[in-house]
Amino acid sequence: MHNIFAPNRKIKIVAITVDEGIGGYRKKTIKNASSLTDNLGVEHTIVLFEA
């Protein structure tokens, strides 16, 4: 999506990651998502899900 839409200045790309608080894998995937969005220059918001 970034390659297709980023060149169009009328479109703003943002990323949202939902942290469900599941241990064991979520910490690593959030780190990877943050790294990817940093490299792409995309705004990234992490939302905590609390039951």
Protein backbone atom coordinates (compact mmCIF):
# COMPACT_ATOMS: atom_id res chain seq x y z
CA MET A 1 0.00 0.00 0.00
CA HIS A 2 2.81 2.39 0.83
CA ASN A 3 4.36 2.02 -2.62
CA ILE A 4 1.01 2.65 -4.31
CA PHE A 5 -0.44 5.45 -2.19
CA ALA A 6 2.52 7.32 -0.67
CA PRO A 7 3.38 9.24 -3.86
CA ASN A 8 -0.14 10.75 -3.86
CA ARG A 9 0.11 13.78 -1.56
CA LYS A 10 -3.69 13.84 -1.18
CA ILE A 11 -3.54 10.56 0.78
CA LYS A 12 -2.10 10.25 4.28
CA ILE A 13 -1.02 6.78 5.32
CA VAL A 14 -1.15 5.91 9.02
CA ALA A 15 -0.65 2.64 10.87
CA ILE A 16 -2.50 1.45 13.94
CA THR A 17 -1.40 -1.51 16.05
CA VAL A 18 -3.74 -2.93 18.68
CA ASP A 19 -1.89 -4.35 21.67
CA GLU A 20 -4.24 -6.94 23.18
CA GLY A 21 -1.85 -7.57 26.05
CA ILE A 22 -1.13 -11.13 24.93
CA GLY A 23 2.25 -12.22 26.22
CA GLY A 24 4.79 -14.19 24.27
CA TYR A 25 4.59 -12.66 20.83
CA ARG A 26 3.02 -9.21 20.86
CA LYS A 27 6.07 -7.34 22.12
CA LYS A 28 8.13 -8.54 19.13
CA THR A 29 5.44 -7.75 16.55
CA ILE A 30 4.95 -4.25 17.95
CA LYS A 31 8.70 -3.67 17.75
CA ASN A 32 8.70 -4.88 14.12
CA ALA A 33 5.71 -2.69 13.25
CA SER A 34 7.37 0.34 14.83
CA SER A 35 10.59 -0.32 12.95
CA LEU A 36 8.78 -0.71 9.62
CA THR A 37 6.73 2.45 10.04
CA ASP A 38 9.84 4.39 11.08
CA ASN A 39 11.64 3.22 7.94
CA LEU A 40 8.68 4.20 5.75
CA GLY A 41 8.07 7.51 7.48
CA VAL A 42 4.51 6.48 8.38
CA GLU A 43 2.72 7.70 11.51
CA HIS A 44 2.20 4.76 13.88
CA THR A 45 -0.20 4.65 16.79
CA ILE A 46 -0.28 1.80 19.31
CA VAL A 47 -3.62 1.31 21.05
CA LEU A 48 -3.85 -0.73 24.24
CA PHE A 49 -6.86 -3.01 24.50
CA GLU A 50 -7.95 -3.50 28.06
CA ALA A 51 -10.77 -5.97 28.80
